[in-house]
Amino acid sequence: MSEYVRQRGQRDPNYQRHPGSLWIDEKRSELIVQYPEEWIAADGFGILLHSRTHEDLIEQIKASGIAQEKFAMAFIEIGIL
């Protein structure tokens, strides 16, 4: 962790959000309809995996062999845009 981040919780100026997180934010209104109350794993191009439970999603990820740094995970909560 850089010294910049440790000072008063400021973000490192070189920090870049994961492409999967950006994609999820961009598509959230569609995801609420398609995957309500589900966990999803996405890269910068779309959904890789989804499940009703976090534990099951983790198991799917392990079984798929996808490297963790290749995706972002999020819970698609109804009513949260």
C-alpha atoms as a PDB file:
ATOM      1  CA  MET A   1       0.000   0.000   0.000  1.00  0.00           C
ATOM      2  CA  SER A   2       1.423   3.348  -0.939  1.00  0.00           C
ATOM      3  CA  GLU A   3       2.074   6.115   1.563  1.00  0.00           C
ATOM      4  CA  TYR A   4      -0.527   8.212  -0.268  1.00  0.00           C
ATOM      5  CA  VAL A   5      -3.324   5.734   0.539  1.00  0.00           C
ATOM      6  CA  ARG A   6      -2.368   5.440   4.205  1.00  0.00           C
ATOM      7  CA  GLN A   7      -2.695   9.175   4.797  1.00  0.00           C
ATOM      8  CA  ARG A   8      -6.270   9.983   5.812  1.00  0.00           C
ATOM      9  CA  GLY A   9      -7.738   7.245   3.609  1.00  0.00           C
ATOM     10  CA  GLN A  10      -6.980   9.092   0.379  1.00  0.00           C
ATOM     11  CA  ARG A  11      -7.025   7.011  -2.775  1.00  0.00           C
ATOM     12  CA  ASP A  12      -3.796   6.297  -4.604  1.00  0.00           C
ATOM     13  CA  PRO A  13      -3.785   8.558  -7.703  1.00  0.00           C
ATOM     14  CA  ASN A  14      -2.706   5.551  -9.800  1.00  0.00           C
ATOM     15  CA  TYR A  15      -5.684   3.446  -8.672  1.00  0.00           C
ATOM     16  CA  GLN A  16      -7.838   2.075 -11.489  1.00  0.00           C
ATOM     17  CA  ARG A  17     -11.148   0.315 -10.938  1.00  0.00           C
ATOM     18  CA  HIS A  18     -11.462  -3.219 -12.255  1.00  0.00           C
ATOM     19  CA  PRO A  19     -13.083  -3.343 -15.736  1.00  0.00           C
ATOM     20  CA  GLY A  20     -15.668  -5.775 -14.338  1.00  0.00           C
ATOM     21  CA  SER A  21     -16.709  -3.248 -11.687  1.00  0.00           C
ATOM     22  CA  LEU A  22     -17.083  -0.551 -14.317  1.00  0.00           C
ATOM     23  CA  TRP A  23     -19.185  -2.878 -16.491  1.00  0.00           C
ATOM     24  CA  ILE A  24     -21.413  -3.797 -13.516  1.00  0.00           C
ATOM     25  CA  ASP A  25     -21.987  -0.122 -12.684  1.00  0.00           C
ATOM     26  CA  GLU A  26     -22.802   0.667 -16.307  1.00  0.00           C
ATOM     27  CA  LYS A  27     -25.265  -2.231 -16.657  1.00  0.00           C
ATOM     28  CA  ARG A  28     -26.743  -2.243 -13.119  1.00  0.00           C
ATOM     29  CA  SER A  29     -30.298  -1.314 -14.190  1.00  0.00           C
ATOM     30  CA  GLU A  30     -30.330  -4.254 -16.641  1.00  0.00           C
ATOM     31  CA  LEU A  31     -28.712  -6.589 -14.121  1.00  0.00           C
ATOM     32  CA  ILE A  32     -31.435  -5.849 -11.554  1.00  0.00           C
ATOM     33  CA  VAL A  33     -33.976  -7.244 -14.033  1.00  0.00           C
ATOM     34  CA  GLN A  34     -31.885 -10.226 -15.169  1.00  0.00           C
ATOM     35  CA  TYR A  35     -30.179 -11.228 -11.900  1.00  0.00           C
ATOM     36  CA  PRO A  36     -32.227  -9.804  -8.987  1.00  0.00           C
ATOM     37  CA  GLU A  37     -30.860 -10.689  -5.557  1.00  0.00           C
ATOM     38  CA  GLU A  38     -28.021 -12.726  -7.088  1.00  0.00           C
ATOM     39  CA  TRP A  39     -24.250 -12.617  -6.904  1.00  0.00           C
ATOM     40  CA  ILE A  40     -22.458 -12.098 -10.202  1.00  0.00           C
ATOM     41  CA  ALA A  41     -18.879 -12.311 -11.400  1.00  0.00           C
ATOM     42  CA  ALA A  42     -18.098 -10.131 -14.417  1.00  0.00           C
ATOM     43  CA  ASP A  43     -15.159  -9.000 -16.479  1.00  0.00           C
ATOM     44  CA  GLY A  44     -15.097  -5.886 -18.641  1.00  0.00           C
ATOM     45  CA  PHE A  45     -17.199  -7.600 -21.304  1.00  0.00           C
ATOM     46  CA  GLY A  46     -20.012  -9.153 -19.283  1.00  0.00           C
ATOM     47  CA  ILE A  47     -21.230 -11.792 -16.850  1.00  0.00           C
ATOM     48  CA  LEU A  48     -18.996 -14.791 -16.330  1.00  0.00           C
ATOM     49  CA  LEU A  49     -20.949 -16.536 -13.574  1.00  0.00           C
ATOM     50  CA  HIS A  50     -23.947 -15.922 -11.300  1.00  0.00           C
ATOM     51  CA  SER A  51     -25.568 -17.553  -8.295  1.00  0.00           C
ATOM     52  CA  ARG A  52     -28.116 -16.959  -5.543  1.00  0.00           C
ATOM     53  CA  THR A  53     -25.459 -17.432  -2.861  1.00  0.00           C
ATOM     54  CA  HIS A  54     -21.974 -16.062  -2.430  1.00  0.00           C
ATOM     55  CA  GLU A  55     -20.709 -19.479  -1.367  1.00  0.00           C
ATOM     56  CA  ASP A  56     -22.018 -21.129  -4.536  1.00  0.00           C
ATOM     57  CA  LEU A  57     -20.506 -18.401  -6.707  1.00  0.00           C
ATOM     58  CA  ILE A  58     -17.130 -18.962  -5.046  1.00  0.00           C
ATOM     59  CA  GLU A  59     -17.442 -22.698  -5.731  1.00  0.00           C
ATOM     60  CA  GLN A  60     -18.298 -22.011  -9.388  1.00  0.00           C
ATOM     61  CA  ILE A  61     -15.281 -19.722  -9.665  1.00  0.00           C
ATOM     62  CA  LYS A  62     -12.980 -22.357  -8.182  1.00  0.00           C
ATOM     63  CA  ALA A  63     -14.397 -25.034 -10.493  1.00  0.00           C
ATOM     64  CA  SER A  64     -14.045 -22.808 -13.570  1.00  0.00           C
ATOM     65  CA  GLY A  65     -10.348 -22.170 -13.035  1.00  0.00           C
ATOM     66  CA  ILE A  66     -10.807 -18.458 -13.776  1.00  0.00           C
ATOM     67  CA  ALA A  67      -8.091 -16.429 -12.077  1.00  0.00           C
ATOM     68  CA  GLN A  68      -9.567 -14.144  -9.414  1.00  0.00           C
ATOM     69  CA  GLU A  69      -7.977 -11.008 -10.861  1.00  0.00           C
ATOM     70  CA  LYS A  70      -9.896 -11.574 -14.122  1.00  0.00           C
ATOM     71  CA  PHE A  71     -13.294 -10.576 -12.677  1.00  0.00           C
ATOM     72  CA  ALA A  72     -15.158  -8.447 -10.158  1.00  0.00           C
ATOM     73  CA  MET A  73     -17.986  -9.729  -7.951  1.00  0.00           C
ATOM     74  CA  ALA A  74     -21.127  -7.882  -6.886  1.00  0.00           C
ATOM     75  CA  PHE A  75     -24.490  -8.565  -5.282  1.00  0.00           C
ATOM     76  CA  ILE A  76     -27.340  -7.242  -7.423  1.00  0.00           C
ATOM     77  CA  GLU A  77     -29.728  -5.850  -4.857  1.00  0.00           C
ATOM     78  CA  ILE A  78     -33.251  -4.861  -5.905  1.00  0.00           C
ATOM     79  CA  GLY A  79     -33.882  -1.165  -5.392  1.00  0.00           C
ATOM     80  CA  ILE A  80     -30.216  -0.127  -5.419  1.00  0.00           C
ATOM     81  CA  LEU A  81     -29.125   1.747  -8.531  1.00  0.00           C
END
